[in-house]
Amino acid sequence: VHHIAFSVSHAVFAQAVERLDKRGISHSGVKDRGFMDSIYFEDPLGLLIELACYRFEPPQGFAHSDVLFEAHKIRVARGDYAIAEIHLADAIEILMARRNRTLSADRS
């Protein structure tokens, strides 16, 4: 096992650095992953722990994986290196358009 990752809320993640520092636990500092932020530290037995926080909330009825799947397709089509916030926004727009059917040819 390389490490164990836990998805945490934005509220929990925002307090992670301060709380780790207060307890004298060394950590990686916040790592920008484009679509999420991560922080790494070791437990007392040396296991690497990751706390991760998504930078987006999926629309109601969709999962984080749905948004990431669409964002990945957009990223690849554009030839971009990694998923960025623009890919997430465009993915959410696509998912919403797919869910909210219309008879109008012009959705603008």
C-alpha atoms as a PDB file:
ATOM      1  CA  VAL A   1       0.000   0.000   0.000  1.00  0.00           C
ATOM      2  CA  HIS A   2       1.441   3.359  -1.017  1.00  0.00           C
ATOM      3  CA  HIS A   3      -1.082   5.496   0.866  1.00  0.00           C
ATOM      4  CA  ILE A   4      -4.673   5.771   2.002  1.00  0.00           C
ATOM      5  CA  ALA A   5      -6.764   8.727   0.814  1.00  0.00           C
ATOM      6  CA  PHE A   6      -9.773  10.202   2.550  1.00  0.00           C
ATOM      7  CA  SER A   7     -12.170  12.619   0.887  1.00  0.00           C
ATOM      8  CA  VAL A   8     -13.046  15.390   3.336  1.00  0.00           C
ATOM      9  CA  SER A   9     -15.288  18.438   3.221  1.00  0.00           C
ATOM     10  CA  HIS A  10     -13.950  21.877   2.411  1.00  0.00           C
ATOM     11  CA  ALA A  11     -14.527  22.895   6.053  1.00  0.00           C
ATOM     12  CA  VAL A  12     -12.392  20.020   7.358  1.00  0.00           C
ATOM     13  CA  PHE A  13      -9.686  20.538   4.729  1.00  0.00           C
ATOM     14  CA  ALA A  14      -9.445  24.262   5.527  1.00  0.00           C
ATOM     15  CA  GLN A  15      -8.450  23.355   9.097  1.00  0.00           C
ATOM     16  CA  ALA A  16      -6.048  20.487   8.293  1.00  0.00           C
ATOM     17  CA  VAL A  17      -2.777  22.444   8.096  1.00  0.00           C
ATOM     18  CA  GLU A  18      -3.413  24.347  11.328  1.00  0.00           C
ATOM     19  CA  ARG A  19      -4.470  21.223  13.210  1.00  0.00           C
ATOM     20  CA  LEU A  20      -1.518  19.145  11.973  1.00  0.00           C
ATOM     21  CA  ASP A  21       0.882  21.973  12.831  1.00  0.00           C
ATOM     22  CA  LYS A  22      -0.684  22.377  16.290  1.00  0.00           C
ATOM     23  CA  ARG A  23      -0.057  18.691  16.969  1.00  0.00           C
ATOM     24  CA  GLY A  24       3.509  18.801  15.626  1.00  0.00           C
ATOM     25  CA  ILE A  25       2.726  16.464  12.718  1.00  0.00           C
ATOM     26  CA  SER A  26       4.850  17.182   9.659  1.00  0.00           C
ATOM     27  CA  HIS A  27       2.993  17.304   6.355  1.00  0.00           C
ATOM     28  CA  SER A  28       3.386  18.094   2.682  1.00  0.00           C
ATOM     29  CA  GLY A  29       1.480  21.355   2.729  1.00  0.00           C
ATOM     30  CA  VAL A  30      -1.444  21.823   0.366  1.00  0.00           C
ATOM     31  CA  LYS A  31      -0.895  20.249  -3.064  1.00  0.00           C
ATOM     32  CA  ASP A  32      -2.809  21.696  -6.007  1.00  0.00           C
ATOM     33  CA  ARG A  33      -4.237  18.844  -8.089  1.00  0.00           C
ATOM     34  CA  GLY A  34      -6.270  21.049 -10.425  1.00  0.00           C
ATOM     35  CA  PHE A  35      -9.639  19.518  -9.585  1.00  0.00           C
ATOM     36  CA  MET A  36      -8.854  18.901  -5.922  1.00  0.00           C
ATOM     37  CA  ASP A  37      -6.460  19.838  -3.149  1.00  0.00           C
ATOM     38  CA  SER A  38      -4.503  17.292  -1.135  1.00  0.00           C
ATOM     39  CA  ILE A  39      -2.316  17.216   1.942  1.00  0.00           C
ATOM     40  CA  TYR A  40      -0.140  14.264   2.969  1.00  0.00           C
ATOM     41  CA  PHE A  41       1.210  13.160   6.350  1.00  0.00           C
ATOM     42  CA  GLU A  42       2.257   9.922   8.024  1.00  0.00           C
ATOM     43  CA  ASP A  43       0.404   8.149  10.798  1.00  0.00           C
ATOM     44  CA  PRO A  44       2.391   6.979  13.869  1.00  0.00           C
ATOM     45  CA  LEU A  45       3.236   3.681  12.130  1.00  0.00           C
ATOM     46  CA  GLY A  46       4.544   5.400   9.000  1.00  0.00           C
ATOM     47  CA  LEU A  47       1.538   4.861   6.710  1.00  0.00           C
ATOM     48  CA  LEU A  48       1.105   7.775   4.302  1.00  0.00           C
ATOM     49  CA  ILE A  49      -2.311   9.423   4.686  1.00  0.00           C
ATOM     50  CA  GLU A  50      -3.880  11.813   2.173  1.00  0.00           C
ATOM     51  CA  LEU A  51      -6.698  14.205   2.953  1.00  0.00           C
ATOM     52  CA  ALA A  52      -8.334  15.303  -0.292  1.00  0.00           C
ATOM     53  CA  CYS A  53     -10.985  17.900  -1.005  1.00  0.00           C
ATOM     54  CA  TYR A  54     -12.721  18.330  -4.348  1.00  0.00           C
ATOM     55  CA  ARG A  55     -12.899  21.898  -5.685  1.00  0.00           C
ATOM     56  CA  PHE A  56     -16.429  21.355  -6.977  1.00  0.00           C
ATOM     57  CA  GLU A  57     -19.736  19.853  -6.024  1.00  0.00           C
ATOM     58  CA  PRO A  58     -21.530  17.805  -8.670  1.00  0.00           C
ATOM     59  CA  PRO A  59     -25.023  18.875  -9.699  1.00  0.00           C
ATOM     60  CA  GLN A  60     -27.823  17.139  -7.844  1.00  0.00           C
ATOM     61  CA  GLY A  61     -28.311  13.641  -9.202  1.00  0.00           C
ATOM     62  CA  PHE A  62     -24.699  13.291 -10.366  1.00  0.00           C
ATOM     63  CA  ALA A  63     -21.581  11.961  -8.636  1.00  0.00           C
ATOM     64  CA  HIS A  64     -18.081  13.428  -8.536  1.00  0.00           C
ATOM     65  CA  SER A  65     -17.086  10.613 -10.891  1.00  0.00           C
ATOM     66  CA  ASP A  66     -19.646  11.779 -13.488  1.00  0.00           C
ATOM     67  CA  VAL A  67     -18.149  15.270 -13.539  1.00  0.00           C
ATOM     68  CA  LEU A  68     -14.570  13.948 -13.623  1.00  0.00           C
ATOM     69  CA  PHE A  69     -15.415  11.560 -16.469  1.00  0.00           C
ATOM     70  CA  GLU A  70     -16.771  14.403 -18.616  1.00  0.00           C
ATOM     71  CA  ALA A  71     -13.941  16.742 -17.576  1.00  0.00           C
ATOM     72  CA  HIS A  72     -11.377  14.131 -18.591  1.00  0.00           C
ATOM     73  CA  LYS A  73     -12.963  13.745 -22.032  1.00  0.00           C
ATOM     74  CA  ILE A  74     -12.878  17.542 -22.477  1.00  0.00           C
ATOM     75  CA  ARG A  75      -9.244  17.734 -21.304  1.00  0.00           C
ATOM     76  CA  VAL A  76      -8.126  15.025 -23.722  1.00  0.00           C
ATOM     77  CA  ALA A  77     -10.037  16.567 -26.640  1.00  0.00           C
ATOM     78  CA  ARG A  78      -8.330  19.912 -25.988  1.00  0.00           C
ATOM     79  CA  GLY A  79      -4.905  18.351 -25.525  1.00  0.00           C
ATOM     80  CA  ASP A  80      -4.503  19.797 -22.036  1.00  0.00           C
ATOM     81  CA  TYR A  81      -2.091  18.217 -19.540  1.00  0.00           C
ATOM     82  CA  ALA A  82      -4.443  17.848 -16.569  1.00  0.00           C
ATOM     83  CA  ILE A  83      -8.016  18.540 -15.524  1.00  0.00           C
ATOM     84  CA  ALA A  84      -8.409  22.213 -14.610  1.00  0.00           C
ATOM     85  CA  GLU A  85     -11.311  24.247 -13.268  1.00  0.00           C
ATOM     86  CA  ILE A  86     -12.431  25.203 -16.802  1.00  0.00           C
ATOM     87  CA  HIS A  87     -12.826  21.508 -17.652  1.00  0.00           C
ATOM     88  CA  LEU A  88     -14.925  20.998 -14.521  1.00  0.00           C
ATOM     89  CA  ALA A  89     -17.189  23.955 -15.346  1.00  0.00           C
ATOM     90  CA  ASP A  90     -17.659  22.766 -18.915  1.00  0.00           C
ATOM     91  CA  ALA A  91     -18.339  19.203 -17.728  1.00  0.00           C
ATOM     92  CA  ILE A  92     -21.018  20.395 -15.316  1.00  0.00           C
ATOM     93  CA  GLU A  93     -22.607  22.445 -18.099  1.00  0.00           C
ATOM     94  CA  ILE A  94     -22.688  19.362 -20.359  1.00  0.00           C
ATOM     95  CA  LEU A  95     -24.239  17.211 -17.641  1.00  0.00           C
ATOM     96  CA  MET A  96     -26.911  19.811 -16.931  1.00  0.00           C
ATOM     97  CA  ALA A  97     -27.723  20.231 -20.620  1.00  0.00           C
ATOM     98  CA  ARG A  98     -28.028  16.465 -20.977  1.00  0.00           C
ATOM     99  CA  ARG A  99     -30.373  16.241 -17.987  1.00  0.00           C
ATOM    100  CA  ASN A 100     -32.493  19.319 -18.760  1.00  0.00           C
ATOM    101  CA  ARG A 101     -34.056  18.365 -22.057  1.00  0.00           C
ATOM    102  CA  THR A 102     -35.515  21.013 -24.307  1.00  0.00           C
ATOM    103  CA  LEU A 103     -37.383  21.275 -27.581  1.00  0.00           C
ATOM    104  CA  SER A 104     -35.561  24.500 -28.403  1.00  0.00           C
ATOM    105  CA  ALA A 105     -32.650  24.347 -30.841  1.00  0.00           C
ATOM    106  CA  ASP A 106     -31.087  27.406 -29.172  1.00  0.00           C
ATOM    107  CA  ARG A 107     -30.333  26.823 -25.474  1.00  0.00           C
ATOM    108  CA  SER A 108     -28.878  30.316 -24.989  1.00  0.00           C
END
